[in-house]
Amino acid sequence: MKKSKVVIIGDRYTVNAFGLVGIEGFVAESAEKARELLSSLARSPDVGVVLVTKDIADDVSDIIERISRTQRWPVIATIPSRWSSIEPIDVGELLKKALGVG
């Protein structure tokens, strides 16, 4: 099945902002909820990209690393929220992973 869906896990403000452009989102108010959501989305047959806000990604970096290391899909990318800063995303590395050459 084609994995084409993009989803976001983050705070209410960020999820609502992405919802305005049609991206499905899930609010995670705790690390436990974020872990549950990531595990579920990693098993979803149609999810290709999961965006996670930095503040949440910092709390669940172990599961993000495990999913990224053991599965080709979904590609998980960390994005800044309204209140955080983040290092630039290496789009080249994300593309290599998505294409299975990296």
PDB file of N, CA and C in Angstrom:
ATOM      1  N   MET A   1       0.836  -1.177   0.000  1.00  0.00           N
ATOM      2  CA  MET A   1       0.000   0.000   0.000  1.00  0.00           C
ATOM      3  C   MET A   1       0.883   1.244   0.000  1.00  0.00           C
ATOM      4  N   LYS A   2       0.441   2.263  -0.683  1.00  0.00           N
ATOM      5  CA  LYS A   2       1.191   3.508  -0.772  1.00  0.00           C
ATOM      6  C   LYS A   2       1.144   4.262   0.545  1.00  0.00           C
ATOM      7  N   LYS A   3       2.301   4.678   1.025  1.00  0.00           N
ATOM      8  CA  LYS A   3       2.387   5.435   2.275  1.00  0.00           C
ATOM      9  C   LYS A   3       2.506   6.916   1.917  1.00  0.00           C
ATOM     10  N   SER A   4       1.399   7.614   1.977  1.00  0.00           N
ATOM     11  CA  SER A   4       1.417   8.993   1.514  1.00  0.00           C
ATOM     12  C   SER A   4       0.904  10.010   2.529  1.00  0.00           C
ATOM     13  N   LYS A   5       0.411   9.547   3.641  1.00  0.00           N
ATOM     14  CA  LYS A   5      -0.190  10.435   4.627  1.00  0.00           C
ATOM     15  C   LYS A   5       0.883  11.107   5.486  1.00  0.00           C
ATOM     16  N   VAL A   6       0.705  12.402   5.729  1.00  0.00           N
ATOM     17  CA  VAL A   6       1.563  13.166   6.628  1.00  0.00           C
ATOM     18  C   VAL A   6       0.737  13.498   7.855  1.00  0.00           C
ATOM     19  N   VAL A   7       1.289  13.236   9.040  1.00  0.00           N
ATOM     20  CA  VAL A   7       0.606  13.578  10.286  1.00  0.00           C
ATOM     21  C   VAL A   7       1.574  14.313  11.199  1.00  0.00           C
ATOM     22  N   ILE A   8       1.012  14.995  12.181  1.00  0.00           N
ATOM     23  CA  ILE A   8       1.835  15.729  13.133  1.00  0.00           C
ATOM     24  C   ILE A   8       1.424  15.365  14.553  1.00  0.00           C
ATOM     25  N   ILE A   9       2.422  15.283  15.425  1.00  0.00           N
ATOM     26  CA  ILE A   9       2.207  15.105  16.867  1.00  0.00           C
ATOM     27  C   ILE A   9       2.811  16.338  17.528  1.00  0.00           C
ATOM     28  N   GLY A  10       2.015  17.019  18.327  1.00  0.00           N
ATOM     29  CA  GLY A  10       2.543  18.222  18.955  1.00  0.00           C
ATOM     30  C   GLY A  10       1.589  18.817  19.962  1.00  0.00           C
ATOM     31  N   ASP A  11       1.856  20.066  20.294  1.00  0.00           N
ATOM     32  CA  ASP A  11       0.991  20.803  21.215  1.00  0.00           C
ATOM     33  C   ASP A  11      -0.257  21.259  20.460  1.00  0.00           C
ATOM     34  N   ARG A  12      -1.258  21.656  21.183  1.00  0.00           N
ATOM     35  CA  ARG A  12      -2.549  22.037  20.596  1.00  0.00           C
ATOM     36  C   ARG A  12      -2.399  23.160  19.558  1.00  0.00           C
ATOM     37  N   TYR A  13      -1.586  24.164  19.861  1.00  0.00           N
ATOM     38  CA  TYR A  13      -1.401  25.291  18.948  1.00  0.00           C
ATOM     39  C   TYR A  13      -0.824  24.821  17.610  1.00  0.00           C
ATOM     40  N   THR A  14       0.239  24.033  17.646  1.00  0.00           N
ATOM     41  CA  THR A  14       0.900  23.574  16.421  1.00  0.00           C
ATOM     42  C   THR A  14       0.005  22.624  15.630  1.00  0.00           C
ATOM     43  N   VAL A  15      -0.651  21.705  16.316  1.00  0.00           N
ATOM     44  CA  VAL A  15      -1.554  20.767  15.646  1.00  0.00           C
ATOM     45  C   VAL A  15      -2.689  21.526  14.953  1.00  0.00           C
ATOM     46  N   ASN A  16      -3.254  22.516  15.626  1.00  0.00           N
ATOM     47  CA  ASN A  16      -4.321  23.309  15.018  1.00  0.00           C
ATOM     48  C   ASN A  16      -3.820  24.095  13.805  1.00  0.00           C
ATOM     49  N   ALA A  17      -2.619  24.644  13.880  1.00  0.00           N
ATOM     50  CA  ALA A  17      -2.048  25.396  12.761  1.00  0.00           C
ATOM     51  C   ALA A  17      -1.867  24.487  11.537  1.00  0.00           C
ATOM     52  N   PHE A  18      -1.347  23.299  11.731  1.00  0.00           N
ATOM     53  CA  PHE A  18      -1.171  22.364  10.619  1.00  0.00           C
ATOM     54  C   PHE A  18      -2.520  21.873  10.105  1.00  0.00           C
ATOM     55  N   GLY A  19      -3.498  21.779  10.984  1.00  0.00           N
ATOM     56  CA  GLY A  19      -4.838  21.375  10.575  1.00  0.00           C
ATOM     57  C   GLY A  19      -5.457  22.352   9.594  1.00  0.00           C
ATOM     58  N   LEU A  20      -5.078  23.614   9.682  1.00  0.00           N
ATOM     59  CA  LEU A  20      -5.604  24.626   8.765  1.00  0.00           C
ATOM     60  C   LEU A  20      -5.197  24.373   7.320  1.00  0.00           C
ATOM     61  N   VAL A  21      -4.111  23.657   7.119  1.00  0.00           N
ATOM     62  CA  VAL A  21      -3.669  23.327   5.761  1.00  0.00           C
ATOM     63  C   VAL A  21      -3.949  21.863   5.418  1.00  0.00           C
ATOM     64  N   GLY A  22      -4.768  21.208   6.252  1.00  0.00           N
ATOM     65  CA  GLY A  22      -5.222  19.863   5.930  1.00  0.00           C
ATOM     66  C   GLY A  22      -4.394  18.709   6.443  1.00  0.00           C
ATOM     67  N   ILE A  23      -3.451  18.975   7.320  1.00  0.00           N
ATOM     68  CA  ILE A  23      -2.626  17.899   7.872  1.00  0.00           C
ATOM     69  C   ILE A  23      -3.250  17.407   9.171  1.00  0.00           C
ATOM     70  N   GLU A  24      -3.486  16.108   9.226  1.00  0.00           N
ATOM     71  CA  GLU A  24      -4.066  15.501  10.424  1.00  0.00           C
ATOM     72  C   GLU A  24      -3.065  15.580  11.567  1.00  0.00           C
ATOM     73  N   GLY A  25      -3.549  15.874  12.754  1.00  0.00           N
ATOM     74  CA  GLY A  25      -2.648  16.004  13.888  1.00  0.00           C
ATOM     75  C   GLY A  25      -3.199  15.412  15.154  1.00  0.00           C
ATOM     76  N   PHE A  26      -2.296  15.145  16.073  1.00  0.00           N
ATOM     77  CA  PHE A  26      -2.637  14.569  17.366  1.00  0.00           C
ATOM     78  C   PHE A  26      -1.932  15.363  18.453  1.00  0.00           C
ATOM     79  N   VAL A  27      -2.695  15.780  19.438  1.00  0.00           N
ATOM     80  CA  VAL A  27      -2.132  16.512  20.568  1.00  0.00           C
ATOM     81  C   VAL A  27      -1.595  15.501  21.575  1.00  0.00           C
ATOM     82  N   ALA A  28      -0.342  15.694  21.977  1.00  0.00           N
ATOM     83  CA  ALA A  28       0.280  14.840  22.993  1.00  0.00           C
ATOM     84  C   ALA A  28       0.673  15.732  24.157  1.00  0.00           C
ATOM     85  N   GLU A  29      -0.043  15.592  25.253  1.00  0.00           N
ATOM     86  CA  GLU A  29       0.233  16.427  26.423  1.00  0.00           C
ATOM     87  C   GLU A  29       1.154  15.742  27.418  1.00  0.00           C
ATOM     88  N   SER A  30       1.611  14.540  27.073  1.00  0.00           N
ATOM     89  CA  SER A  30       2.566  13.833  27.926  1.00  0.00           C
ATOM     90  C   SER A  30       3.453  12.949  27.050  1.00  0.00           C
ATOM     91  N   ALA A  31       4.602  12.574  27.593  1.00  0.00           N
ATOM     92  CA  ALA A  31       5.507  11.681  26.869  1.00  0.00           C
ATOM     93  C   ALA A  31       4.842  10.325  26.645  1.00  0.00           C
ATOM     94  N   GLU A  32       4.073   9.865  27.618  1.00  0.00           N
ATOM     95  CA  GLU A  32       3.393   8.578  27.483  1.00  0.00           C
ATOM     96  C   GLU A  32       2.422   8.592  26.300  1.00  0.00           C
ATOM     97  N   LYS A  33       1.653   9.663  26.161  1.00  0.00           N
ATOM     98  CA  LYS A  33       0.717   9.783  25.043  1.00  0.00           C
ATOM     99  C   LYS A  33       1.469   9.847  23.719  1.00  0.00           C
ATOM    100  N   ALA A  34       2.588  10.568  23.682  1.00  0.00           N
ATOM    101  CA  ALA A  34       3.389  10.669  22.466  1.00  0.00           C
ATOM    102  C   ALA A  34       3.945   9.304  22.064  1.00  0.00           C
ATOM    103  N   ARG A  35       4.410   8.516  23.023  1.00  0.00           N
ATOM    104  CA  ARG A  35       4.913   7.161  22.743  1.00  0.00           C
ATOM    105  C   ARG A  35       3.811   6.292  22.153  1.00  0.00           C
ATOM    106  N   GLU A  36       2.636   6.386  22.748  1.00  0.00           N
ATOM    107  CA  GLU A  36       1.480   5.615  22.271  1.00  0.00           C
ATOM    108  C   GLU A  36       1.144   6.000  20.827  1.00  0.00           C
ATOM    109  N   LEU A  37       1.111   7.302  20.539  1.00  0.00           N
ATOM    110  CA  LEU A  37       0.799   7.773  19.205  1.00  0.00           C
ATOM    111  C   LEU A  37       1.861   7.341  18.194  1.00  0.00           C
ATOM    112  N   LEU A  38       3.131   7.481  18.549  1.00  0.00           N
ATOM    113  CA  LEU A  38       4.206   7.082  17.644  1.00  0.00           C
ATOM    114  C   LEU A  38       4.157   5.595  17.327  1.00  0.00           C
ATOM    115  N   SER A  39       3.923   4.783  18.335  1.00  0.00           N
ATOM    116  CA  SER A  39       3.830   3.331  18.118  1.00  0.00           C
ATOM    117  C   SER A  39       2.681   3.003  17.178  1.00  0.00           C
ATOM    118  N   SER A  40       1.551   3.634  17.385  1.00  0.00           N
ATOM    119  CA  SER A  40       0.386   3.396  16.545  1.00  0.00           C
ATOM    120  C   SER A  40       0.627   3.864  15.114  1.00  0.00           C
ATOM    121  N   LEU A  41       1.166   5.053  14.943  1.00  0.00           N
ATOM    122  CA  LEU A  41       1.414   5.583  13.604  1.00  0.00           C
ATOM    123  C   LEU A  41       2.481   4.784  12.862  1.00  0.00           C
ATOM    124  N   ALA A  42       3.449   4.243  13.588  1.00  0.00           N
ATOM    125  CA  ALA A  42       4.497   3.433  12.958  1.00  0.00           C
ATOM    126  C   ALA A  42       3.919   2.151  12.365  1.00  0.00           C
ATOM    127  N   ARG A  43       2.798   1.678  12.907  1.00  0.00           N
ATOM    128  CA  ARG A  43       2.151   0.470  12.388  1.00  0.00           C
ATOM    129  C   ARG A  43       1.113   0.777  11.306  1.00  0.00           C
ATOM    130  N   SER A  44       0.771   2.030  11.125  1.00  0.00           N
ATOM    131  CA  SER A  44      -0.262   2.408  10.169  1.00  0.00           C
ATOM    132  C   SER A  44       0.230   2.203   8.738  1.00  0.00           C
ATOM    133  N   PRO A  45      -0.550   1.533   7.906  1.00  0.00           N
ATOM    134  CA  PRO A  45      -0.103   1.229   6.551  1.00  0.00           C
ATOM    135  C   PRO A  45      -0.070   2.421   5.593  1.00  0.00           C
ATOM    136  N   ASP A  46      -0.689   3.538   5.956  1.00  0.00           N
ATOM    137  CA  ASP A  46      -0.736   4.664   5.027  1.00  0.00           C
ATOM    138  C   ASP A  46       0.040   5.903   5.472  1.00  0.00           C
ATOM    139  N   VAL A  47       0.709   5.842   6.618  1.00  0.00           N
ATOM    140  CA  VAL A  47       1.465   6.997   7.112  1.00  0.00           C
ATOM    141  C   VAL A  47       2.894   6.950   6.579  1.00  0.00           C
ATOM    142  N   GLY A  48       3.272   7.999   5.840  1.00  0.00           N
ATOM    143  CA  GLY A  48       4.616   8.071   5.279  1.00  0.00           C
ATOM    144  C   GLY A  48       5.541   9.000   6.031  1.00  0.00           C
ATOM    145  N   VAL A  49       4.985  10.052   6.645  1.00  0.00           N
ATOM    146  CA  VAL A  49       5.787  11.044   7.367  1.00  0.00           C
ATOM    147  C   VAL A  49       5.071  11.413   8.657  1.00  0.00           C
ATOM    148  N   VAL A  50       5.834  11.422   9.749  1.00  0.00           N
ATOM    149  CA  VAL A  50       5.320  11.894  11.032  1.00  0.00           C
ATOM    150  C   VAL A  50       6.183  13.083  11.447  1.00  0.00           C
ATOM    151  N   LEU A  51       5.550  14.218  11.625  1.00  0.00           N
ATOM    152  CA  LEU A  51       6.226  15.407  12.134  1.00  0.00           C
ATOM    153  C   LEU A  51       5.987  15.452  13.640  1.00  0.00           C
ATOM    154  N   VAL A  52       7.045  15.696  14.396  1.00  0.00           N
ATOM    155  CA  VAL A  52       6.936  15.752  15.856  1.00  0.00           C
ATOM    156  C   VAL A  52       7.579  17.056  16.313  1.00  0.00           C
ATOM    157  N   THR A  53       6.860  17.815  17.143  1.00  0.00           N
ATOM    158  CA  THR A  53       7.442  19.066  17.631  1.00  0.00           C
ATOM    159  C   THR A  53       8.622  18.768  18.554  1.00  0.00           C
ATOM    160  N   LYS A  54       9.586  19.672  18.545  1.00  0.00           N
ATOM    161  CA  LYS A  54      10.841  19.455  19.260  1.00  0.00           C
ATOM    162  C   LYS A  54      10.652  19.174  20.743  1.00  0.00           C
ATOM    163  N   ASP A  55       9.774  19.907  21.393  1.00  0.00           N
ATOM    164  CA  ASP A  55       9.591  19.699  22.827  1.00  0.00           C
ATOM    165  C   ASP A  55       9.118  18.276  23.128  1.00  0.00           C
ATOM    166  N   ILE A  56       8.289  17.726  22.279  1.00  0.00           N
ATOM    167  CA  ILE A  56       7.837  16.347  22.468  1.00  0.00           C
ATOM    168  C   ILE A  56       8.921  15.365  22.038  1.00  0.00           C
ATOM    169  N   ALA A  57       9.568  15.642  20.925  1.00  0.00           N
ATOM    170  CA  ALA A  57      10.616  14.742  20.425  1.00  0.00           C
ATOM    171  C   ALA A  57      11.743  14.573  21.441  1.00  0.00           C
ATOM    172  N   ASP A  58      12.072  15.633  22.161  1.00  0.00           N
ATOM    173  CA  ASP A  58      13.119  15.550  23.179  1.00  0.00           C
ATOM    174  C   ASP A  58      12.755  14.541  24.270  1.00  0.00           C
ATOM    175  N   ASP A  59      11.459  14.434  24.582  1.00  0.00           N
ATOM    176  CA  ASP A  59      11.005  13.523  25.638  1.00  0.00           C
ATOM    177  C   ASP A  59      10.887  12.071  25.180  1.00  0.00           C
ATOM    178  N   VAL A  60      10.798  11.859  23.872  1.00  0.00           N
ATOM    179  CA  VAL A  60      10.592  10.490  23.364  1.00  0.00           C
ATOM    180  C   VAL A  60      11.632  10.125  22.306  1.00  0.00           C
ATOM    181  N   SER A  61      12.820  10.678  22.435  1.00  0.00           N
ATOM    182  CA  SER A  61      13.861  10.444  21.428  1.00  0.00           C
ATOM    183  C   SER A  61      14.215   8.964  21.287  1.00  0.00           C
ATOM    184  N   ASP A  62      14.082   8.197  22.367  1.00  0.00           N
ATOM    185  CA  ASP A  62      14.411   6.768  22.289  1.00  0.00           C
ATOM    186  C   ASP A  62      13.491   6.020  21.337  1.00  0.00           C
ATOM    187  N   ILE A  63      12.201   6.262  21.399  1.00  0.00           N
ATOM    188  CA  ILE A  63      11.275   5.553  20.503  1.00  0.00           C
ATOM    189  C   ILE A  63      11.399   6.074  19.067  1.00  0.00           C
ATOM    190  N   ILE A  64      11.672   7.354  18.904  1.00  0.00           N
ATOM    191  CA  ILE A  64      11.884   7.900  17.563  1.00  0.00           C
ATOM    192  C   ILE A  64      13.098   7.227  16.933  1.00  0.00           C
ATOM    193  N   GLU A  65      14.186   7.119  17.683  1.00  0.00           N
ATOM    194  CA  GLU A  65      15.392   6.472  17.175  1.00  0.00           C
ATOM    195  C   GLU A  65      15.141   5.003  16.852  1.00  0.00           C
ATOM    196  N   ARG A  66      14.408   4.309  17.720  1.00  0.00           N
ATOM    197  CA  ARG A  66      14.127   2.889  17.488  1.00  0.00           C
ATOM    198  C   ARG A  66      13.308   2.687  16.217  1.00  0.00           C
ATOM    199  N   ILE A  67      12.255   3.477  16.054  1.00  0.00           N
ATOM    200  CA  ILE A  67      11.417   3.365  14.860  1.00  0.00           C
ATOM    201  C   ILE A  67      12.239   3.704  13.612  1.00  0.00           C
ATOM    202  N   SER A  68      13.013   4.773  13.670  1.00  0.00           N
ATOM    203  CA  SER A  68      13.812   5.201  12.527  1.00  0.00           C
ATOM    204  C   SER A  68      14.882   4.181  12.161  1.00  0.00           C
ATOM    205  N   ARG A  69      15.413   3.511  13.152  1.00  0.00           N
ATOM    206  CA  ARG A  69      16.470   2.530  12.928  1.00  0.00           C
ATOM    207  C   ARG A  69      15.931   1.205  12.389  1.00  0.00           C
ATOM    208  N   THR A  70      14.724   0.829  12.776  1.00  0.00           N
ATOM    209  CA  THR A  70      14.214  -0.497  12.434  1.00  0.00           C
ATOM    210  C   THR A  70      13.169  -0.512  11.322  1.00  0.00           C
ATOM    211  N   GLN A  71      12.659   0.649  10.930  1.00  0.00           N
ATOM    212  CA  GLN A  71      11.623   0.702   9.908  1.00  0.00           C
ATOM    213  C   GLN A  71      11.968   1.724   8.846  1.00  0.00           C
ATOM    214  N   ARG A  72      11.614   1.400   7.638  1.00  0.00           N
ATOM    215  CA  ARG A  72      11.817   2.354   6.546  1.00  0.00           C
ATOM    216  C   ARG A  72      10.755   3.446   6.599  1.00  0.00           C
ATOM    217  N   TRP A  73       9.550   3.070   6.974  1.00  0.00           N
ATOM    218  CA  TRP A  73       8.421   3.988   7.060  1.00  0.00           C
ATOM    219  C   TRP A  73       7.827   3.949   8.439  1.00  0.00           C
ATOM    220  N   PRO A  74       7.347   4.985   8.976  1.00  0.00           N
ATOM    221  CA  PRO A  74       7.318   6.339   8.426  1.00  0.00           C
ATOM    222  C   PRO A  74       8.643   7.059   8.685  1.00  0.00           C
ATOM    223  N   VAL A  75       8.888   8.084   7.895  1.00  0.00           N
ATOM    224  CA  VAL A  75      10.002   8.986   8.149  1.00  0.00           C
ATOM    225  C   VAL A  75       9.529   9.923   9.258  1.00  0.00           C
ATOM    226  N   ILE A  76      10.326  10.050  10.309  1.00  0.00           N
ATOM    227  CA  ILE A  76       9.964  10.914  11.435  1.00  0.00           C
ATOM    228  C   ILE A  76      10.888  12.124  11.429  1.00  0.00           C
ATOM    229  N   ALA A  77      10.287  13.315  11.394  1.00  0.00           N
ATOM    230  CA  ALA A  77      11.067  14.553  11.378  1.00  0.00           C
ATOM    231  C   ALA A  77      10.650  15.428  12.553  1.00  0.00           C
ATOM    232  N   THR A  78      11.634  16.060  13.161  1.00  0.00           N
ATOM    233  CA  THR A  78      11.384  16.974  14.274  1.00  0.00           C
ATOM    234  C   THR A  78      11.263  18.388  13.717  1.00  0.00           C
ATOM    235  N   ILE A  79      10.227  19.086  14.166  1.00  0.00           N
ATOM    236  CA  ILE A  79      10.011  20.465  13.735  1.00  0.00           C
ATOM    237  C   ILE A  79       9.894  21.361  14.972  1.00  0.00           C
ATOM    238  N   PRO A  80      10.176  22.640  14.810  1.00  0.00           N
ATOM    239  CA  PRO A  80      10.022  23.532  15.966  1.00  0.00           C
ATOM    240  C   PRO A  80       8.550  23.802  16.255  1.00  0.00           C
ATOM    241  N   SER A  81       8.253  24.019  17.509  1.00  0.00           N
ATOM    242  CA  SER A  81       6.923  24.499  17.867  1.00  0.00           C
ATOM    243  C   SER A  81       7.026  26.013  18.011  1.00  0.00           C
ATOM    244  N   ARG A  82       5.966  26.614  18.386  1.00  0.00           N
ATOM    245  CA  ARG A  82       5.964  28.065  18.554  1.00  0.00           C
ATOM    246  C   ARG A  82       6.989  28.523  19.595  1.00  0.00           C
ATOM    247  N   TRP A  83       7.278  27.673  20.560  1.00  0.00           N
ATOM    248  CA  TRP A  83       8.121  28.073  21.690  1.00  0.00           C
ATOM    249  C   TRP A  83       9.504  27.450  21.689  1.00  0.00           C
ATOM    250  N   SER A  84       9.891  26.798  20.626  1.00  0.00           N
ATOM    251  CA  SER A  84      11.192  26.132  20.642  1.00  0.00           C
ATOM    252  C   SER A  84      12.038  26.550  19.458  1.00  0.00           C
ATOM    253  N   SER A  85      13.313  26.239  19.572  1.00  0.00           N
ATOM    254  CA  SER A  85      14.225  26.430  18.452  1.00  0.00           C
ATOM    255  C   SER A  85      14.729  25.047  18.057  1.00  0.00           C
ATOM    256  N   ILE A  86      15.251  24.930  16.859  1.00  0.00           N
ATOM    257  CA  ILE A  86      15.671  23.623  16.373  1.00  0.00           C
ATOM    258  C   ILE A  86      16.786  23.791  15.354  1.00  0.00           C
ATOM    259  N   GLU A  87      17.592  22.781  15.237  1.00  0.00           N
ATOM    260  CA  GLU A  87      18.626  22.754  14.218  1.00  0.00           C
ATOM    261  C   GLU A  87      17.952  22.543  12.861  1.00  0.00           C
ATOM    262  N   PRO A  88      18.583  23.012  11.793  1.00  0.00           N
ATOM    263  CA  PRO A  88      17.998  22.805  10.463  1.00  0.00           C
ATOM    264  C   PRO A  88      17.840  21.309  10.157  1.00  0.00           C
ATOM    265  N   ILE A  89      16.787  20.976   9.413  1.00  0.00           N
ATOM    266  CA  ILE A  89      16.542  19.594   9.004  1.00  0.00           C
ATOM    267  C   ILE A  89      17.414  19.280   7.804  1.00  0.00           C
ATOM    268  N   ASP A  90      18.078  18.138   7.827  1.00  0.00           N
ATOM    269  CA  ASP A  90      18.876  17.684   6.697  1.00  0.00           C
ATOM    270  C   ASP A  90      17.942  16.975   5.716  1.00  0.00           C
ATOM    271  N   VAL A  91      17.404  17.739   4.787  1.00  0.00           N
ATOM    272  CA  VAL A  91      16.428  17.204   3.847  1.00  0.00           C
ATOM    273  C   VAL A  91      17.044  16.106   2.991  1.00  0.00           C
ATOM    274  N   GLY A  92      18.291  16.235   2.643  1.00  0.00           N
ATOM    275  CA  GLY A  92      18.970  15.209   1.852  1.00  0.00           C
ATOM    276  C   GLY A  92      18.965  13.855   2.551  1.00  0.00           C
ATOM    277  N   GLU A  93      19.247  13.863   3.838  1.00  0.00           N
ATOM    278  CA  GLU A  93      19.241  12.602   4.595  1.00  0.00           C
ATOM    279  C   GLU A  93      17.842  12.035   4.689  1.00  0.00           C
ATOM    280  N   LEU A  94      16.841  12.886   4.895  1.00  0.00           N
ATOM    281  CA  LEU A  94      15.456  12.402   4.943  1.00  0.00           C
ATOM    282  C   LEU A  94      15.046  11.786   3.607  1.00  0.00           C
ATOM    283  N   LEU A  95      15.437  12.408   2.514  1.00  0.00           N
ATOM    284  CA  LEU A  95      15.102  11.859   1.197  1.00  0.00           C
ATOM    285  C   LEU A  95      15.796  10.532   0.957  1.00  0.00           C
ATOM    286  N   LYS A  96      17.067  10.430   1.339  1.00  0.00           N
ATOM    287  CA  LYS A  96      17.785   9.164   1.183  1.00  0.00           C
ATOM    288  C   LYS A  96      17.084   8.051   1.952  1.00  0.00           C
ATOM    289  N   LYS A  97      16.667   8.352   3.179  1.00  0.00           N
ATOM    290  CA  LYS A  97      15.977   7.347   3.987  1.00  0.00           C
ATOM    291  C   LYS A  97      14.657   6.961   3.350  1.00  0.00           C
ATOM    292  N   ALA A  98      13.909   7.957   2.879  1.00  0.00           N
ATOM    293  CA  ALA A  98      12.614   7.684   2.267  1.00  0.00           C
ATOM    294  C   ALA A  98      12.756   6.850   0.992  1.00  0.00           C
ATOM    295  N   LEU A  99      13.853   7.068   0.266  1.00  0.00           N
ATOM    296  CA  LEU A  99      14.075   6.315  -0.976  1.00  0.00           C
ATOM    297  C   LEU A  99      14.778   4.978  -0.718  1.00  0.00           C
ATOM    298  N   GLY A 100      15.202   4.762   0.513  1.00  0.00           N
ATOM    299  CA  GLY A 100      15.841   3.505   0.863  1.00  0.00           C
ATOM    300  C   GLY A 100      17.291   3.404   0.434  1.00  0.00           C
ATOM    301  N   VAL A 101      17.953   4.524   0.230  1.00  0.00           N
ATOM    302  CA  VAL A 101      19.349   4.494  -0.170  1.00  0.00           C
ATOM    303  C   VAL A 101      20.283   5.051   0.894  1.00  0.00           C
ATOM    304  N   GLY A 102      19.732   5.392   2.035  1.00  0.00           N
ATOM    305  CA  GLY A 102      20.570   6.004   3.074  1.00  0.00           C
ATOM    306  C   GLY A 102      20.558   5.263   4.354  1.00  0.00           C
TER     307      GLY A 102
END
